[in-house]
Amino acid sequence: MRPPPLKFWGNLLLLLVSSAIAFLLVEAGARLYLFGSLASPGLSHDKLLNVPHPERGWQLLPDETVLSRTLDYVVSTHTNHRGLNDDDTPYEKPPGVFRIVVLGDSFMFGKEIERTQGLPALLETQLKERRVEVINLGVIGYGTIQECLLLREEGLKYQPDLVLLGFYAFNDIRDNSKALNELMWGPQVILTWGRPYAGGDNAKGALKFEFPDIHRLRRANFERRERFTKEYEMAPTYSRLATSMLTRYVLRQWLKKMQPLEFDPAVLFGPYLEGDAIPHAAEWKQAWDTTERVLLATRDTAREAGAKFAIFTIPSRFQVDAHYREMVADQVAGLKFDLQKPEKQLVDFGQQEGIPVLDLTPVFSEVQEKQGTPLHHQLEDEHWNPNGHALAATAVRKFLEEQRLLP
């Protein structure tokens, strides 16, 4: 058999070189478009930030730098010496300074944005001339119960004049209910058993906290860190490529369309359900009752320390983004929604209990619909983007002024 002519090998080499150049151009273009840089975005290692806490379930490592990488952003976050995404502010308050402590979950922690782009930092910048300091106590994954406990243990040490709680109805209500978390995650998942819950006598209003098993938490955390460390160290080189990230994203989107929703939609979108036969109605009612009692306990904790207390809502993408609702329409078919149901209930509750409540949903909906400005990340993340934080910070500042909660 005669060997291929030189022309064949020349054409093959040309094809290989052309393909390599085309791939490099596509990779470079993807990096510039997604991350604004030709440098490799690296691999996320933010999953190693949590460590066990005997009451709150977990806290964040102090003085730790983590990288969060998705198709939406590449952000490096450094926690301070108390495990907060904030500057190292001393507990002792300087004379003439008005302090605001912000409680919340991952929306307030803000690993999806630069620290200066988050609501707490923006609010402080807007109020700088009034000598206002804003302390960000947001912790990834926290529910209302954990936020109440954090205020008691850590937040009061900052001698706040005002306590602000960011309420994310999409999961804050569910996170206060073991029954709903079991329906969502299953009883053996750490997101269910690894957090505190609240109970007690409704008539007396006294809360009794049920704390997680700290020994079980430590074992689970050790196993988790071992697993993630191994996965990080053994991650193949191609997983660092932007083109690889895009390919995996497209594949996941295709699989989502071919497979049913991973979670029960009546649990995932439960806060917005309306109708006469709402699935798991008893569990949702109990979760709301618990949530309201915890909010009252948080208010009382703040007031007993001489601080005022107010709440602002955190609109979810499901509520304000019509395009997103179209994408999940098939997965929630047959369910009826009132997209402002939890906010209405929270505002009514606040009026009854004398708690100022700012509902940000109308503000977000108007900007999203009329201006077409995305306020949440669009691809792999559903937290607020910098536009969302900027809009919320300005609205919160105006609300505080109207309520005369500022100096």
Protein backbone atom coordinates (compact mmCIF):
# COMPACT_ATOMS: atom_id res chain seq x y z
CA MET A 1 0.00 0.00 0.00
CA ARG A 2 1.38 3.34 -1.05
CA PRO A 3 1.86 5.97 1.73
CA PRO A 4 -0.29 9.11 1.54
CA PRO A 5 1.28 11.83 -0.60
CA LEU A 6 3.00 14.78 1.00
CA LYS A 7 0.08 16.94 -0.06
CA PHE A 8 -2.22 14.90 2.22
CA TRP A 9 0.01 15.47 5.24
CA GLY A 10 0.32 19.13 4.40
CA ASN A 11 -3.46 19.51 4.24
CA LEU A 12 -3.88 17.60 7.49
CA LEU A 13 -1.32 19.82 9.23
CA LEU A 14 -3.05 22.92 7.84
CA LEU A 15 -6.38 21.64 9.11
CA LEU A 16 -4.99 20.98 12.58
CA VAL A 17 -3.29 24.35 12.81
CA SER A 18 -6.40 26.14 11.54
CA SER A 19 -8.59 24.29 14.05
CA ALA A 20 -6.21 25.14 16.88
CA ILE A 21 -6.16 28.83 15.90
CA ALA A 22 -9.96 28.86 15.59
CA PHE A 23 -10.32 27.26 19.02
CA LEU A 24 -7.92 29.76 20.60
CA LEU A 25 -9.85 32.63 19.03
CA VAL A 26 -13.16 31.26 20.30
CA GLU A 27 -11.69 30.70 23.79
CA ALA A 28 -10.22 34.21 23.84
CA GLY A 29 -13.50 35.71 22.69
CA ALA A 30 -15.46 33.78 25.31
CA ARG A 31 -13.11 34.93 28.08
CA LEU A 32 -13.29 38.55 26.99
CA TYR A 33 -17.08 38.45 26.70
CA LEU A 34 -17.74 36.60 29.96
CA PHE A 35 -14.94 37.81 32.20
CA GLY A 36 -13.47 40.88 30.50
CA SER A 37 -9.97 39.39 30.48
CA LEU A 38 -7.85 36.89 28.56
CA ALA A 39 -6.54 35.43 31.81
CA SER A 40 -7.86 32.07 32.97
CA PRO A 41 -10.68 32.63 35.49
CA GLY A 42 -9.45 29.73 37.62
CA LEU A 43 -11.60 27.25 39.51
CA SER A 44 -14.20 28.10 42.14
CA HIS A 45 -13.29 27.19 45.69
CA ASP A 46 -16.01 29.04 47.59
CA LYS A 47 -17.52 25.75 48.78
CA LEU A 48 -14.84 25.52 51.47
CA LEU A 49 -15.93 28.69 53.27
CA ASN A 50 -18.38 27.17 55.78
CA VAL A 51 -17.36 25.72 59.13
CA PRO A 52 -19.64 24.23 61.84
CA HIS A 53 -21.23 26.36 64.55
CA PRO A 54 -22.89 24.75 67.60
CA GLU A 55 -26.06 26.88 67.44
CA ARG A 56 -26.31 28.46 64.00
CA GLY A 57 -25.23 25.33 62.13
CA TRP A 58 -22.41 27.05 60.31
CA GLN A 59 -20.41 30.24 60.16
CA LEU A 60 -17.87 31.52 57.66
CA LEU A 61 -14.11 31.17 57.96
CA PRO A 62 -12.32 34.36 59.04
CA ASP A 63 -9.51 35.88 56.97
CA GLU A 64 -10.26 33.59 54.04
CA THR A 65 -10.07 34.39 50.32
CA VAL A 66 -12.30 32.39 47.98
CA LEU A 67 -12.96 32.55 44.25
CA SER A 68 -16.50 32.27 42.87
CA ARG A 69 -16.59 31.49 39.15
CA THR A 70 -19.68 31.12 36.97
CA LEU A 71 -20.63 32.23 33.47
CA ASP A 72 -22.10 35.32 35.13
CA TYR A 73 -19.05 36.48 37.08
CA VAL A 74 -15.61 35.79 38.49
CA VAL A 75 -15.32 37.35 41.94
CA SER A 76 -12.67 36.99 44.64
CA THR A 77 -14.07 37.51 48.15
CA HIS A 78 -12.05 37.99 51.33
CA THR A 79 -13.71 37.62 54.71
CA ASN A 80 -12.58 39.77 57.64
CA HIS A 81 -11.28 38.41 60.94
CA ARG A 82 -14.87 37.69 62.06
CA GLY A 83 -15.84 35.81 58.90
CA LEU A 84 -17.88 38.68 57.42
CA ASN A 85 -17.73 40.12 53.92
CA ASP A 86 -16.90 43.55 55.32
CA ASP A 87 -14.08 45.69 56.64
CA ASP A 88 -12.64 44.94 60.08
CA THR A 89 -14.81 47.33 62.06
CA PRO A 90 -14.17 47.39 65.83
CA TYR A 91 -17.08 46.62 68.14
CA GLU A 92 -16.76 49.92 69.97
CA LYS A 93 -18.72 52.64 68.21
CA PRO A 94 -16.99 56.04 67.85
CA PRO A 95 -18.82 59.06 69.30
CA GLY A 96 -21.31 60.63 66.92
CA VAL A 97 -21.49 57.60 64.62
CA PHE A 98 -24.84 56.01 63.72
CA ARG A 99 -24.54 52.28 63.10
CA ILE A 100 -26.72 50.05 60.94
CA VAL A 101 -26.39 46.27 61.16
CA VAL A 102 -27.66 44.41 58.08
CA LEU A 103 -28.89 40.83 58.52
CA GLY A 104 -29.45 38.55 55.55
CA ASP A 105 -28.40 35.52 53.56
CA SER A 106 -26.23 35.15 50.46
CA PHE A 107 -27.89 38.17 48.82
CA MET A 108 -26.40 40.39 51.50
CA PHE A 109 -23.12 38.48 51.79
CA GLY A 110 -22.63 39.12 48.08
CA LYS A 111 -20.05 36.66 46.79
CA GLU A 112 -21.48 37.24 43.30
CA ILE A 113 -20.33 40.87 43.16
CA GLU A 114 -17.43 43.01 44.29
CA ARG A 115 -17.82 44.09 47.92
CA THR A 116 -18.19 47.75 46.98
CA GLN A 117 -21.10 46.86 44.68
CA GLY A 118 -23.22 45.26 47.44
CA LEU A 119 -26.20 46.89 49.15
CA PRO A 120 -24.49 47.33 52.55
CA ALA A 121 -21.45 49.08 51.06
CA LEU A 122 -23.56 51.22 48.72
CA LEU A 123 -25.88 52.22 51.55
CA GLU A 124 -22.93 53.29 53.66
CA THR A 125 -21.53 55.33 50.76
CA GLN A 126 -24.87 57.10 50.27
CA LEU A 127 -25.06 57.93 53.98
CA LYS A 128 -21.42 58.78 54.53
CA GLU A 129 -22.06 62.49 55.10
CA ARG A 130 -24.38 61.59 57.98
CA ARG A 131 -21.60 59.63 59.72
CA VAL A 132 -23.40 56.33 59.21
CA GLU A 133 -21.56 52.99 59.34
CA VAL A 134 -23.15 49.89 57.85
CA ILE A 135 -22.03 46.49 59.15
CA ASN A 136 -22.74 43.58 56.79
CA LEU A 137 -23.76 40.49 58.78
CA GLY A 138 -25.05 38.61 55.75
CA VAL A 139 -24.11 34.91 55.77
CA ILE A 140 -24.49 32.48 52.89
CA GLY A 141 -27.46 30.14 53.35
CA TYR A 142 -28.86 31.69 56.52
CA GLY A 143 -32.57 31.74 57.32
CA THR A 144 -34.42 34.03 59.69
CA ILE A 145 -33.71 31.87 62.73
CA GLN A 146 -29.96 31.94 62.14
CA GLU A 147 -30.07 35.69 61.55
CA CYS A 148 -31.85 36.18 64.89
CA LEU A 149 -29.23 34.09 66.67
CA LEU A 150 -26.41 35.95 64.89
CA LEU A 151 -27.81 39.29 66.01
CA ARG A 152 -27.88 38.12 69.63
CA GLU A 153 -24.42 36.61 69.55
CA GLU A 154 -22.50 39.00 67.31
CA GLY A 155 -24.61 41.85 65.95
CA LEU A 156 -25.32 43.58 69.27
CA LYS A 157 -21.60 43.84 69.97
CA TYR A 158 -21.44 46.53 67.28
CA GLN A 159 -23.84 48.70 69.34
CA PRO A 160 -26.26 49.22 66.44
CA ASP A 161 -28.73 52.09 66.28
CA LEU A 162 -30.73 50.33 63.57
CA VAL A 163 -31.07 46.67 62.62
CA LEU A 164 -32.07 46.01 59.01
CA LEU A 165 -33.17 42.54 57.95
CA GLY A 166 -33.22 41.54 54.29
CA PHE A 167 -36.06 39.02 53.90
CA TYR A 168 -35.89 36.60 50.95
CA ALA A 169 -39.30 34.96 50.88
CA PHE A 170 -38.23 32.51 48.17
CA ASN A 171 -36.42 30.37 50.74
CA ASP A 172 -36.40 32.16 54.13
CA ILE A 173 -39.82 30.79 55.07
CA ARG A 174 -38.92 27.25 54.04
CA ASP A 175 -35.59 27.43 55.88
CA ASN A 176 -37.52 27.99 59.13
CA SER A 177 -39.40 24.70 58.72
CA LYS A 178 -37.85 21.27 59.13
CA ALA A 179 -40.91 19.70 57.48
CA LEU A 180 -40.57 21.83 54.33
CA ASN A 181 -36.80 21.32 54.19
CA GLU A 182 -37.35 17.59 54.36
CA LEU A 183 -39.78 17.87 51.45
CA MET A 184 -37.23 19.93 49.56
CA TRP A 185 -33.92 18.21 50.30
CA GLY A 186 -34.74 15.02 52.20
CA PRO A 187 -34.16 14.32 55.92
CA GLN A 188 -30.52 13.19 55.61
CA VAL A 189 -29.18 16.21 53.73
CA ILE A 190 -27.17 18.72 55.78
CA LEU A 191 -29.32 21.58 54.47
CA THR A 192 -32.18 19.99 56.44
CA TRP A 193 -30.68 18.66 59.67
CA GLY A 194 -27.67 20.99 59.84
CA ARG A 195 -29.53 24.19 60.73
CA PRO A 196 -31.42 25.33 63.87
CA TYR A 197 -35.20 25.43 64.15
CA ALA A 198 -37.58 27.24 66.47
CA GLY A 199 -40.64 26.02 68.32
CA GLY A 200 -42.35 26.63 71.61
CA ASP A 201 -45.71 27.72 72.93
CA ASN A 202 -47.55 29.88 70.39
CA ALA A 203 -49.89 31.24 73.05
CA LYS A 204 -47.06 32.51 75.23
CA GLY A 205 -44.89 33.52 72.28
CA ALA A 206 -41.77 32.07 73.90
CA LEU A 207 -39.34 30.59 71.40
CA LYS A 208 -37.38 27.44 72.05
CA PHE A 209 -34.52 26.75 69.69
CA GLU A 210 -33.58 23.29 68.49
CA PHE A 211 -29.89 23.26 67.63
CA PRO A 212 -28.17 20.81 65.25
CA ASP A 213 -25.87 18.01 66.36
CA ILE A 214 -22.45 19.68 66.40
CA HIS A 215 -20.58 16.35 66.32
CA ARG A 216 -22.49 15.25 63.23
CA LEU A 217 -21.85 18.67 61.69
CA ARG A 218 -18.11 18.36 62.26
CA ARG A 219 -17.99 14.91 60.70
CA ALA A 220 -20.00 16.06 57.69
CA ASN A 221 -17.87 19.17 57.28
CA PHE A 222 -14.65 17.16 57.39
CA GLU A 223 -15.96 14.74 54.74
CA ARG A 224 -17.20 17.61 52.61
CA ARG A 225 -13.89 19.48 52.73
CA GLU A 226 -12.00 16.30 51.91
CA ARG A 227 -14.27 15.69 48.91
CA PHE A 228 -14.13 19.22 47.55
CA THR A 229 -10.37 19.47 48.07
CA LYS A 230 -9.86 16.26 46.12
CA GLU A 231 -12.18 17.40 43.34
CA TYR A 232 -10.41 20.76 43.15
CA GLU A 233 -6.94 19.24 43.00
CA MET A 234 -7.94 16.61 40.41
CA ALA A 235 -9.97 18.95 38.19
CA PRO A 236 -8.83 18.49 34.57
CA THR A 237 -7.17 21.40 32.80
CA TYR A 238 -10.00 21.74 30.28
CA SER A 239 -12.45 22.57 33.08
CA ARG A 240 -10.70 25.95 33.44
CA LEU A 241 -11.58 26.90 29.87
CA ALA A 242 -14.44 29.30 29.14
CA THR A 243 -15.49 27.13 26.20
CA SER A 244 -15.72 24.14 28.53
CA MET A 245 -17.91 26.13 30.91
CA LEU A 246 -20.20 27.16 28.04
CA THR A 247 -20.43 23.59 26.74
CA ARG A 248 -21.39 22.24 30.18
CA TYR A 249 -23.95 25.03 30.58
CA VAL A 250 -25.62 24.25 27.23
CA LEU A 251 -25.68 20.56 28.12
CA ARG A 252 -27.30 21.26 31.52
CA GLN A 253 -29.95 23.44 29.90
CA TRP A 254 -30.75 20.68 27.42
CA LEU A 255 -31.00 18.09 30.18
CA LYS A 256 -33.34 20.38 32.16
CA LYS A 257 -35.75 20.40 29.26
CA MET A 258 -35.56 16.62 28.88
CA GLN A 259 -35.97 15.85 32.59
CA PRO A 260 -38.54 16.88 35.21
CA LEU A 261 -37.73 19.60 37.75
CA GLU A 262 -35.26 18.37 40.37
CA PHE A 263 -37.42 19.70 43.23
CA ASP A 264 -41.15 19.62 43.89
CA PRO A 265 -42.33 22.94 42.35
CA ALA A 266 -45.00 23.25 45.06
CA VAL A 267 -42.15 23.42 47.60
CA LEU A 268 -39.62 25.35 45.53
CA PHE A 269 -42.14 28.05 44.56
CA GLY A 270 -44.43 27.49 47.53
CA PRO A 271 -44.43 31.06 48.95
CA TYR A 272 -46.20 32.34 45.84
CA LEU A 273 -48.87 29.64 45.48
CA GLU A 274 -52.52 30.65 45.57
CA GLY A 275 -55.79 28.75 45.36
CA ASP A 276 -58.08 26.63 47.50
CA ALA A 277 -55.96 23.49 47.53
CA ILE A 278 -52.35 24.60 47.98
CA PRO A 279 -50.00 21.60 48.30
CA HIS A 280 -48.46 21.26 51.76
CA ALA A 281 -50.70 24.06 53.07
CA ALA A 282 -50.37 22.98 56.71
CA GLU A 283 -46.57 22.98 56.51
CA TRP A 284 -46.51 26.43 54.90
CA LYS A 285 -48.85 27.87 57.52
CA GLN A 286 -46.69 26.52 60.32
CA ALA A 287 -43.58 27.89 58.61
CA TRP A 288 -45.16 31.35 58.32
CA ASP A 289 -46.21 31.28 61.98
CA THR A 290 -42.68 30.38 63.02
CA THR A 291 -41.18 33.02 60.74
CA GLU A 292 -43.38 35.77 62.21
CA ARG A 293 -42.50 34.77 65.75
CA VAL A 294 -38.78 34.77 64.92
CA LEU A 295 -39.11 38.22 63.33
CA LEU A 296 -40.75 39.46 66.52
CA ALA A 297 -37.94 37.95 68.57
CA THR A 298 -35.40 39.69 66.33
CA ARG A 299 -37.25 42.99 66.71
CA ASP A 300 -37.39 42.61 70.48
CA THR A 301 -33.67 41.77 70.62
CA ALA A 302 -32.88 44.95 68.71
CA ARG A 303 -35.19 47.12 70.78
CA GLU A 304 -33.92 45.79 74.09
CA ALA A 305 -30.45 46.89 72.98
CA GLY A 306 -31.75 50.37 72.14
CA ALA A 307 -31.86 49.86 68.36
CA LYS A 308 -34.68 50.35 65.89
CA PHE A 309 -35.72 47.49 63.62
CA ALA A 310 -36.91 47.42 60.01
CA ILE A 311 -37.28 44.90 57.18
CA PHE A 312 -36.82 45.12 53.43
CA THR A 313 -37.81 42.35 51.02
CA ILE A 314 -35.48 40.73 48.51
CA PRO A 315 -37.36 40.13 45.23
CA SER A 316 -36.59 36.83 43.52
CA ARG A 317 -35.98 36.48 39.82
CA PHE A 318 -39.14 34.37 39.58
CA GLN A 319 -41.18 37.37 40.73
CA VAL A 320 -39.81 40.13 38.53
CA ASP A 321 -38.41 38.47 35.40
CA ALA A 322 -41.18 37.44 32.96
CA HIS A 323 -38.66 35.79 30.62
CA TYR A 324 -37.45 33.58 33.47
CA ARG A 325 -41.03 32.55 34.30
CA GLU A 326 -41.51 31.57 30.65
CA MET A 327 -38.43 29.34 30.86
CA VAL A 328 -39.85 27.42 33.84
CA ALA A 329 -43.50 27.52 32.71
CA ASP A 330 -43.62 23.84 31.74
CA GLN A 331 -42.14 22.82 35.08
CA VAL A 332 -44.79 24.65 37.10
CA ALA A 333 -47.77 23.87 34.86
CA GLY A 334 -51.03 23.59 36.78
CA LEU A 335 -49.92 25.80 39.66
CA LYS A 336 -51.37 29.28 40.24
CA PHE A 337 -49.22 32.07 41.62
CA ASP A 338 -49.64 35.39 43.35
CA LEU A 339 -46.19 36.86 42.80
CA GLN A 340 -46.54 39.36 45.65
CA LYS A 341 -48.26 37.09 48.13
CA PRO A 342 -45.42 36.75 50.71
CA GLU A 343 -44.60 40.46 50.53
CA LYS A 344 -48.24 41.41 51.10
CA GLN A 345 -48.37 39.14 54.13
CA LEU A 346 -45.10 40.55 55.47
CA VAL A 347 -46.23 44.16 55.02
CA ASP A 348 -49.54 43.41 56.81
CA PHE A 349 -47.63 41.69 59.59
CA GLY A 350 -45.33 44.69 59.93
CA GLN A 351 -48.25 47.10 60.17
CA GLN A 352 -49.82 45.00 62.91
CA GLU A 353 -46.61 44.77 64.91
CA GLY A 354 -45.23 48.25 64.33
CA ILE A 355 -42.34 47.09 62.16
CA PRO A 356 -41.48 49.24 59.12
CA VAL A 357 -41.38 47.00 56.03
CA LEU A 358 -40.16 48.04 52.58
CA ASP A 359 -41.41 45.85 49.74
CA LEU A 360 -38.89 46.16 46.91
CA THR A 361 -40.87 43.94 44.51
CA PRO A 362 -42.82 46.76 42.79
CA VAL A 363 -39.62 48.79 42.31
CA PHE A 364 -37.76 45.83 40.81
CA SER A 365 -40.71 44.82 38.61
CA GLU A 366 -41.07 48.32 37.18
CA VAL A 367 -37.41 48.65 36.28
CA GLN A 368 -37.23 45.11 34.89
CA GLU A 369 -40.37 45.43 32.76
CA LYS A 370 -40.25 49.06 31.61
CA GLN A 371 -36.52 49.51 31.18
CA GLY A 372 -35.59 45.90 30.42
CA THR A 373 -32.64 46.16 32.79
CA PRO A 374 -31.68 42.74 34.25
CA LEU A 375 -31.45 42.94 38.03
CA HIS A 376 -30.43 39.32 38.61
CA HIS A 377 -27.64 37.28 37.10
CA GLN A 378 -28.93 35.52 34.01
CA LEU A 379 -27.07 32.26 33.36
CA GLU A 380 -25.86 30.15 36.27
CA ASP A 381 -26.85 32.35 39.20
CA GLU A 382 -30.09 34.02 40.32
CA HIS A 383 -28.76 36.50 42.88
CA TRP A 384 -28.89 40.24 42.30
CA ASN A 385 -26.31 41.62 39.91
CA PRO A 386 -24.71 45.06 40.52
CA ASN A 387 -27.78 46.75 38.98
CA GLY A 388 -30.04 45.01 41.51
CA HIS A 389 -27.89 45.99 44.48
CA ALA A 390 -27.66 49.62 43.30
CA LEU A 391 -31.43 49.87 42.85
CA ALA A 392 -32.11 48.26 46.23
CA ALA A 393 -29.58 50.43 48.10
CA THR A 394 -31.13 53.65 46.80
CA ALA A 395 -34.66 52.45 47.57
CA VAL A 396 -33.69 51.37 51.09
CA ARG A 397 -31.99 54.70 51.76
CA LYS A 398 -35.10 56.63 50.66
CA PHE A 399 -37.29 54.35 52.78
CA LEU A 400 -35.15 54.94 55.87
CA GLU A 401 -35.38 58.66 55.32
CA GLU A 402 -39.16 58.54 54.90
CA GLN A 403 -39.53 56.45 58.05
CA ARG A 404 -37.23 58.83 59.95
CA LEU A 405 -34.96 55.98 60.93
CA LEU A 406 -31.77 57.91 60.19
CA PRO A 407 -29.99 60.64 62.14
